Amino acid sequence: MDDRNFSQYEFFKNIARNHTPKLAFRGRTKEDFQEWHAAAREKFLEILGDFPEPVDLNPMVEFCKEWKGLIRERVILDSEAGMSIPCVVLRPPDMPADGKGRAIICSHGHGAHAKEAVSGNTDDPDIVREIAAHNYNYGEQMARRGFLTLSPDLRGFGERMGLPNNEVNLWCKSCNNFYLLGSMLGIYPLTRNVWDIRVCARYLATRPEVDAQRIGMMGLSQGGVMTTFATAALPEIRCADIVGYLNPWRRFAFEGHRFCGSQILPHIYKWFDTHDVASLIAPRPLLVEMGEADMLFYIKDQRESFEAVKRVYDAAGVGEDCWCDVHPGAHAFAGNKAFDFFERYL
């Protein structure tokens, strides 16, 4: 009787401990990569499920003003029937409207302030503290380096939370609620957020400043989730910076329980680990940032996932386009290599 188990958590942990996803990359050559990529991408898109019917973007610029040496715009986009996306767009004031400019979609992580922190809004002392804790205003920082940046609120965050303030003390609770509600309808927050990133990319392609072939993406934590999944799914994103996210499902989900309903899809781990999804970005350029003092996603686990991604890039013959930035900080944007990365690849 000593080997009997009654714990559902232990049951899942024991399975995950010895689990290898069915579409883990096992090859070594470029031909192996090409064969794997075709099969894995097909299955990945199947798991993502159906996207909604497209609607007209109906872009509305609610304001456009000079802001701390940049141009700041509040833009609303329609995503699907019954859903819109509030965004902040930042750009240098001298950025020409010649269709040659570079743009970066900047995705936020968990937290109360979503796009406002990423875009550098300092009107609220709480946002200032959040920015300081995570070097979080990368939308602003990239705009100051000459890029046009677009920072959207993801579904269930910021203005798109849609619940009374006294019900959102724990953001993961709302993520899980939205996942459960959506699952009854076959609608998953992660899939619809990928769709919304596609909508943002469509909008950027209409901007007079932007070259549609020069759109990248970056994000910290939940923003890293979105950067991973959206870039894997959307070829219009040309390069990506995943910040403080990549590590094995076994460690942060099944053993650490540091995940939520906004980060998963049904059957995802049956077929893919997080590094397998990130590897679908290949052969497009990828930067992965990892903090040695990150207490959410431990550096040992992040290194393990990065090495798995790097093996795929090496097999594809583009190992030099897979960068990493290991920094001594915590769960934060490092900003050591990101500027040079996007300068080079956009």
Protein backbone atom coordinates (compact mmCIF):
# COMPACT_ATOMS: atom_id res chain seq x y z
CA MET A 1 0.00 0.00 0.00
CA ASP A 2 2.97 2.36 0.48
CA ASP A 3 3.17 3.11 -3.26
CA ARG A 4 -0.47 4.24 -3.49
CA ASN A 5 -1.07 7.91 -4.30
CA PHE A 6 -4.17 10.01 -3.64
CA SER A 7 -2.84 13.42 -4.76
CA GLN A 8 -3.95 14.68 -8.15
CA TYR A 9 -1.01 17.14 -8.15
CA GLU A 10 1.46 14.31 -7.58
CA PHE A 11 -0.23 12.31 -10.32
CA PHE A 12 0.34 15.10 -12.85
CA LYS A 13 3.88 15.79 -11.62
CA ASN A 14 4.81 12.14 -11.99
CA ILE A 15 3.56 12.08 -15.57
CA ALA A 16 5.33 15.33 -16.46
CA ARG A 17 8.59 14.15 -14.89
CA ASN A 18 9.06 11.55 -17.62
CA HIS A 19 7.11 13.19 -20.43
CA THR A 20 8.59 14.10 -23.80
CA PRO A 21 6.23 15.97 -26.13
CA LYS A 22 5.42 14.12 -29.31
CA LEU A 23 6.84 16.84 -31.57
CA ALA A 24 10.05 17.52 -29.69
CA PHE A 25 12.85 18.17 -32.20
CA ARG A 26 15.21 15.20 -32.42
CA GLY A 27 17.11 16.01 -35.60
CA ARG A 28 20.53 17.44 -36.45
CA THR A 29 20.48 18.54 -40.06
CA LYS A 30 18.79 21.24 -42.08
CA GLU A 31 16.65 18.58 -43.74
CA ASP A 32 15.61 17.31 -40.30
CA PHE A 33 14.68 20.86 -39.34
CA GLN A 34 12.62 21.45 -42.46
CA GLU A 35 10.71 18.19 -42.04
CA TRP A 36 10.10 18.89 -38.34
CA HIS A 37 9.10 22.52 -38.91
CA ALA A 38 6.47 21.61 -41.49
CA ALA A 39 4.86 18.96 -39.29
CA ALA A 40 5.18 20.97 -36.06
CA ARG A 41 3.76 24.15 -37.53
CA GLU A 42 0.75 22.27 -38.89
CA LYS A 43 0.04 20.72 -35.49
CA PHE A 44 0.69 24.00 -33.65
CA LEU A 45 -1.86 25.86 -35.77
CA GLU A 46 -4.32 23.01 -35.21
CA ILE A 47 -3.89 23.33 -31.43
CA LEU A 48 -4.34 27.10 -31.60
CA GLY A 49 -7.72 26.45 -33.16
CA ASP A 50 -9.92 28.68 -35.24
CA PHE A 51 -9.35 32.40 -35.37
CA PRO A 52 -12.43 34.63 -35.49
CA GLU A 53 -13.80 36.17 -38.66
CA PRO A 54 -11.82 39.30 -39.60
CA VAL A 55 -13.52 42.67 -39.27
CA ASP A 56 -12.55 46.12 -40.46
CA LEU A 57 -9.90 47.58 -38.18
CA ASN A 58 -11.80 50.86 -37.84
CA PRO A 59 -8.71 52.51 -36.34
CA MET A 60 -9.50 55.51 -34.18
CA VAL A 61 -6.78 57.82 -32.89
CA GLU A 62 -8.26 59.26 -29.70
CA PHE A 63 -5.34 61.61 -29.19
CA CYS A 64 -1.96 62.37 -30.69
CA LYS A 65 0.35 64.62 -28.70
CA GLU A 66 3.95 65.49 -27.97
CA TRP A 67 5.07 63.58 -24.88
CA LYS A 68 8.53 63.79 -23.35
CA GLY A 69 10.21 64.22 -26.70
CA LEU A 70 8.13 61.52 -28.44
CA ILE A 71 4.76 61.45 -30.18
CA ARG A 72 2.24 59.51 -28.10
CA GLU A 73 -1.04 58.26 -29.58
CA ARG A 74 -3.96 56.37 -28.10
CA VAL A 75 -5.33 54.09 -30.80
CA ILE A 76 -8.40 51.82 -30.70
CA LEU A 77 -8.66 48.89 -33.12
CA ASP A 78 -11.55 46.50 -33.75
CA SER A 79 -10.42 42.89 -33.45
CA GLU A 80 -13.56 40.83 -34.03
CA ALA A 81 -17.29 41.26 -33.62
CA GLY A 82 -17.84 42.53 -30.10
CA MET A 83 -14.17 43.12 -29.19
CA SER A 84 -11.74 46.04 -29.55
CA ILE A 85 -8.13 46.65 -28.54
CA PRO A 86 -6.85 49.82 -26.81
CA CYS A 87 -3.22 50.56 -27.72
CA VAL A 88 -0.51 53.13 -27.12
CA VAL A 89 1.63 54.06 -30.11
CA LEU A 90 4.94 55.86 -29.58
CA ARG A 91 7.23 57.23 -32.27
CA PRO A 92 10.03 59.72 -32.69
CA PRO A 93 8.73 63.12 -33.76
CA ASP A 94 10.99 63.18 -36.81
CA MET A 95 10.03 59.71 -38.08
CA PRO A 96 9.23 60.22 -41.78
CA ALA A 97 5.99 58.99 -43.34
CA ASP A 98 7.90 57.24 -46.12
CA GLY A 99 6.88 53.63 -45.49
CA LYS A 100 10.43 52.64 -44.48
CA GLY A 101 10.18 52.76 -40.70
CA ARG A 102 10.60 49.86 -38.29
CA ALA A 103 7.94 48.89 -35.77
CA ILE A 104 7.87 46.70 -32.64
CA ILE A 105 4.78 45.26 -30.94
CA CYS A 106 5.52 45.50 -27.21
CA SER A 107 3.49 43.06 -25.11
CA HIS A 108 3.04 43.50 -21.35
CA GLY A 109 3.18 40.90 -18.60
CA HIS A 110 0.91 40.30 -15.64
CA GLY A 111 0.23 43.35 -13.52
CA ALA A 112 -2.28 46.07 -12.91
CA HIS A 113 -1.14 48.56 -15.53
CA ALA A 114 -0.57 46.52 -18.70
CA LYS A 115 0.23 48.75 -21.71
CA GLU A 116 0.56 51.90 -19.59
CA ALA A 117 3.69 50.60 -17.87
CA VAL A 118 5.24 49.24 -21.07
CA SER A 119 4.65 52.57 -22.82
CA GLY A 120 6.21 54.53 -19.94
CA ASN A 121 3.17 56.30 -18.49
CA THR A 122 4.36 57.91 -15.24
CA ASP A 123 1.09 59.58 -14.20
CA ASP A 124 0.54 57.02 -11.41
CA PRO A 125 3.18 56.34 -8.71
CA ASP A 126 2.26 52.64 -8.83
CA ILE A 127 3.20 52.52 -12.51
CA VAL A 128 6.49 54.26 -11.75
CA ARG A 129 7.31 51.59 -9.19
CA GLU A 130 6.34 48.81 -11.59
CA ILE A 131 8.59 50.27 -14.28
CA ALA A 132 11.48 50.55 -11.84
CA ALA A 133 11.06 46.97 -10.65
CA HIS A 134 11.15 45.39 -14.12
CA ASN A 135 12.79 48.01 -16.39
CA TYR A 136 9.33 47.69 -17.82
CA ASN A 137 8.98 50.65 -20.19
CA TYR A 138 10.57 48.94 -23.17
CA GLY A 139 7.91 50.39 -25.49
CA GLU A 140 9.19 53.84 -24.58
CA GLN A 141 12.84 52.80 -24.66
CA MET A 142 12.53 51.34 -28.15
CA ALA A 143 10.73 54.43 -29.43
CA ARG A 144 13.63 56.56 -28.15
CA ARG A 145 15.93 54.35 -30.25
CA GLY A 146 14.04 55.22 -33.43
CA PHE A 147 11.38 52.51 -33.65
CA LEU A 148 7.63 53.01 -33.79
CA THR A 149 6.20 50.94 -30.94
CA LEU A 150 2.68 49.69 -30.38
CA SER A 151 1.69 48.48 -26.88
CA PRO A 152 -1.75 46.80 -26.70
CA ASP A 153 -3.74 45.63 -23.70
CA LEU A 154 -4.13 41.86 -23.88
CA ARG A 155 -7.52 40.29 -23.19
CA GLY A 156 -8.15 40.18 -19.48
CA PHE A 157 -5.60 42.89 -18.64
CA GLY A 158 -5.62 46.65 -18.23
CA GLU A 159 -8.69 48.22 -19.77
CA ARG A 160 -9.76 44.79 -20.99
CA MET A 161 -10.14 43.25 -17.54
CA GLY A 162 -13.84 44.01 -17.36
CA LEU A 163 -14.29 43.15 -13.67
CA PRO A 164 -14.83 45.36 -10.61
CA ASN A 165 -11.59 46.41 -8.91
CA ASN A 166 -12.36 44.41 -5.79
CA GLU A 167 -12.42 41.22 -7.86
CA VAL A 168 -8.98 41.51 -9.46
CA ASN A 169 -6.55 41.30 -6.57
CA LEU A 170 -4.97 38.25 -8.21
CA TRP A 171 -4.60 38.62 -11.96
CA CYS A 172 -4.08 34.90 -12.41
CA LYS A 173 -7.52 34.30 -10.90
CA SER A 174 -9.14 36.30 -13.68
CA CYS A 175 -6.92 34.56 -16.27
CA ASN A 176 -8.17 31.22 -15.03
CA ASN A 177 -11.78 32.40 -14.97
CA PHE A 178 -11.56 33.64 -18.54
CA TYR A 179 -9.94 30.38 -19.62
CA LEU A 180 -12.73 28.34 -18.02
CA LEU A 181 -15.49 30.51 -19.45
CA GLY A 182 -13.92 30.42 -22.89
CA SER A 183 -13.36 26.68 -22.81
CA MET A 184 -17.10 26.13 -22.62
CA LEU A 185 -17.37 27.96 -25.94
CA GLY A 186 -14.19 26.65 -27.54
CA ILE A 187 -12.59 30.12 -27.21
CA TYR A 188 -9.17 30.31 -25.58
CA PRO A 189 -7.60 33.58 -24.35
CA LEU A 190 -4.16 32.70 -25.70
CA THR A 191 -5.50 32.01 -29.19
CA ARG A 192 -7.55 35.20 -29.26
CA ASN A 193 -4.58 37.22 -28.00
CA VAL A 194 -2.50 35.79 -30.86
CA TRP A 195 -5.30 36.97 -33.16
CA ASP A 196 -5.15 40.42 -31.59
CA ILE A 197 -1.40 40.57 -32.23
CA ARG A 198 -2.14 39.80 -35.87
CA VAL A 199 -4.65 42.66 -35.86
CA CYS A 200 -1.96 44.96 -34.43
CA ALA A 201 0.46 43.86 -37.16
CA ARG A 202 -2.21 44.52 -39.80
CA TYR A 203 -2.67 47.98 -38.40
CA LEU A 204 1.06 48.70 -38.35
CA ALA A 205 1.23 47.73 -42.02
CA THR A 206 -1.24 50.55 -42.76
CA ARG A 207 0.78 53.20 -40.93
CA PRO A 208 2.43 55.66 -43.32
CA GLU A 209 5.68 55.45 -41.36
CA VAL A 210 6.01 51.66 -41.32
CA ASP A 211 7.44 49.08 -43.69
CA ALA A 212 5.24 45.98 -43.32
CA GLN A 213 8.35 43.81 -43.80
CA ARG A 214 10.02 45.39 -40.74
CA ILE A 215 7.76 44.49 -37.81
CA GLY A 216 9.16 42.80 -34.70
CA MET A 217 7.80 41.82 -31.30
CA MET A 218 9.02 41.70 -27.70
CA GLY A 219 7.62 41.14 -24.22
CA LEU A 220 8.39 40.23 -20.62
CA SER A 221 6.78 37.33 -18.72
CA GLN A 222 3.19 37.03 -20.03
CA GLY A 223 4.49 39.31 -22.77
CA GLY A 224 7.13 36.63 -23.38
CA VAL A 225 4.37 34.04 -23.68
CA MET A 226 2.66 36.19 -26.28
CA THR A 227 5.89 36.93 -28.13
CA THR A 228 6.64 33.20 -28.28
CA PHE A 229 3.22 32.02 -29.44
CA ALA A 230 2.38 34.96 -31.69
CA THR A 231 5.71 34.97 -33.49
CA ALA A 232 5.55 31.20 -33.95
CA ALA A 233 2.10 31.57 -35.53
CA LEU A 234 2.46 34.81 -37.50
CA PRO A 235 5.04 35.07 -40.29
CA GLU A 236 4.47 38.82 -40.52
CA ILE A 237 6.53 39.20 -37.32
CA ARG A 238 10.11 39.20 -38.61
CA CYS A 239 12.08 38.84 -35.38
CA ALA A 240 11.39 38.56 -31.66
CA ASP A 241 12.80 39.20 -28.18
CA ILE A 242 11.42 36.79 -25.54
CA VAL A 243 12.13 38.22 -22.08
CA GLY A 244 11.95 36.18 -18.86
CA TYR A 245 9.72 33.34 -20.01
CA LEU A 246 11.28 30.32 -21.72
CA ASN A 247 11.59 27.37 -19.36
CA PRO A 248 10.17 23.84 -19.37
CA TRP A 249 6.52 23.21 -18.66
CA ARG A 250 7.66 20.46 -16.30
CA ARG A 251 9.32 22.99 -14.01
CA PHE A 252 7.15 26.08 -13.95
CA ALA A 253 3.73 24.54 -14.51
CA PHE A 254 3.69 21.05 -13.04
CA GLU A 255 6.23 21.57 -10.25
CA GLY A 256 6.15 25.32 -9.62
CA HIS A 257 2.50 26.12 -10.45
CA ARG A 258 3.61 29.53 -11.79
CA PHE A 259 1.24 29.72 -14.73
CA CYS A 260 -2.36 30.57 -15.54
CA GLY A 261 -5.14 30.21 -18.07
CA SER A 262 -3.82 32.99 -20.30
CA GLN A 263 -0.65 30.95 -21.01
CA ILE A 264 -1.97 27.56 -22.11
CA LEU A 265 -3.94 25.73 -24.76
CA PRO A 266 -5.65 22.34 -24.60
CA HIS A 267 -3.20 19.51 -25.43
CA ILE A 268 -0.25 21.89 -25.80
CA TYR A 269 2.20 19.88 -23.66
CA LYS A 270 1.14 16.61 -25.26
CA TRP A 271 2.85 17.91 -28.41
CA PHE A 272 5.15 20.82 -27.48
CA ASP A 273 7.27 22.21 -24.69
CA THR A 274 7.76 25.97 -24.56
CA HIS A 275 11.11 25.72 -26.34
CA ASP A 276 9.48 23.72 -29.14
CA VAL A 277 7.02 26.55 -29.74
CA ALA A 278 9.85 29.10 -29.65
CA SER A 279 11.79 26.96 -32.14
CA LEU A 280 8.96 27.39 -34.64
CA ILE A 281 10.15 31.00 -34.93
CA ALA A 282 13.21 29.69 -36.78
CA PRO A 283 14.69 30.59 -39.19
CA ARG A 284 13.65 34.13 -38.20
CA PRO A 285 15.99 35.88 -35.74
CA LEU A 286 15.36 35.39 -32.02
CA LEU A 287 16.73 36.95 -28.84
CA VAL A 288 16.07 35.29 -25.45
CA GLU A 289 16.70 37.30 -22.26
CA MET A 290 17.30 35.47 -18.95
CA GLY A 291 17.81 36.92 -15.47
CA GLU A 292 20.14 35.10 -13.08
CA ALA A 293 18.11 36.42 -10.12
CA ASP A 294 14.69 35.65 -11.67
CA MET A 295 12.59 34.05 -8.93
CA LEU A 296 9.66 33.25 -11.21
CA PHE A 297 11.52 31.42 -13.97
CA TYR A 298 14.79 30.09 -12.60
CA ILE A 299 17.95 30.64 -14.58
CA LYS A 300 18.84 26.93 -14.70
CA ASP A 301 15.48 26.18 -16.31
CA GLN A 302 15.72 29.10 -18.72
CA ARG A 303 19.18 28.00 -19.83
CA GLU A 304 17.87 24.48 -20.45
CA SER A 305 15.14 25.80 -22.72
CA PHE A 306 17.43 28.21 -24.55
CA GLU A 307 19.92 25.43 -25.30
CA ALA A 308 17.09 23.38 -26.79
CA VAL A 309 16.09 26.30 -29.02
CA LYS A 310 19.70 26.91 -30.02
CA ARG A 311 20.06 23.29 -31.16
CA VAL A 312 17.13 23.79 -33.53
CA TYR A 313 18.58 27.04 -34.90
CA ASP A 314 21.95 25.34 -35.40
CA ALA A 315 20.30 22.47 -37.26
CA ALA A 316 18.46 25.00 -39.43
CA GLY A 317 21.79 26.62 -40.31
CA VAL A 318 20.97 29.93 -38.65
CA GLY A 319 22.57 29.53 -35.23
CA GLU A 320 24.12 33.00 -35.47
CA ASP A 321 20.61 34.49 -35.52
CA CYS A 322 19.67 32.95 -32.15
CA TRP A 323 20.92 35.33 -29.46
CA CYS A 324 20.80 35.17 -25.69
CA ASP A 325 21.25 37.88 -23.04
CA VAL A 326 21.99 36.39 -19.62
CA HIS A 327 21.96 39.26 -17.14
CA PRO A 328 22.45 39.44 -13.35
CA GLY A 329 19.04 40.97 -12.71
CA ALA A 330 15.66 39.60 -11.72
CA HIS A 331 12.44 39.18 -13.70
CA ALA A 332 13.04 42.19 -15.94
CA PHE A 333 13.93 43.56 -19.36
CA ALA A 334 17.73 43.71 -19.50
CA GLY A 335 18.17 46.01 -22.48
CA ASN A 336 21.77 44.92 -23.05
CA LYS A 337 21.38 43.38 -26.50
CA ALA A 338 17.82 44.19 -27.53
CA PHE A 339 18.61 47.53 -29.15
CA ASP A 340 21.41 46.07 -31.29
CA PHE A 341 19.28 43.01 -32.08
CA PHE A 342 16.40 45.01 -33.53
CA GLU A 343 18.76 47.42 -35.26
CA ARG A 344 20.35 44.49 -37.02
CA TYR A 345 17.31 42.43 -37.92
CA LEU A 346 14.68 45.10 -38.62
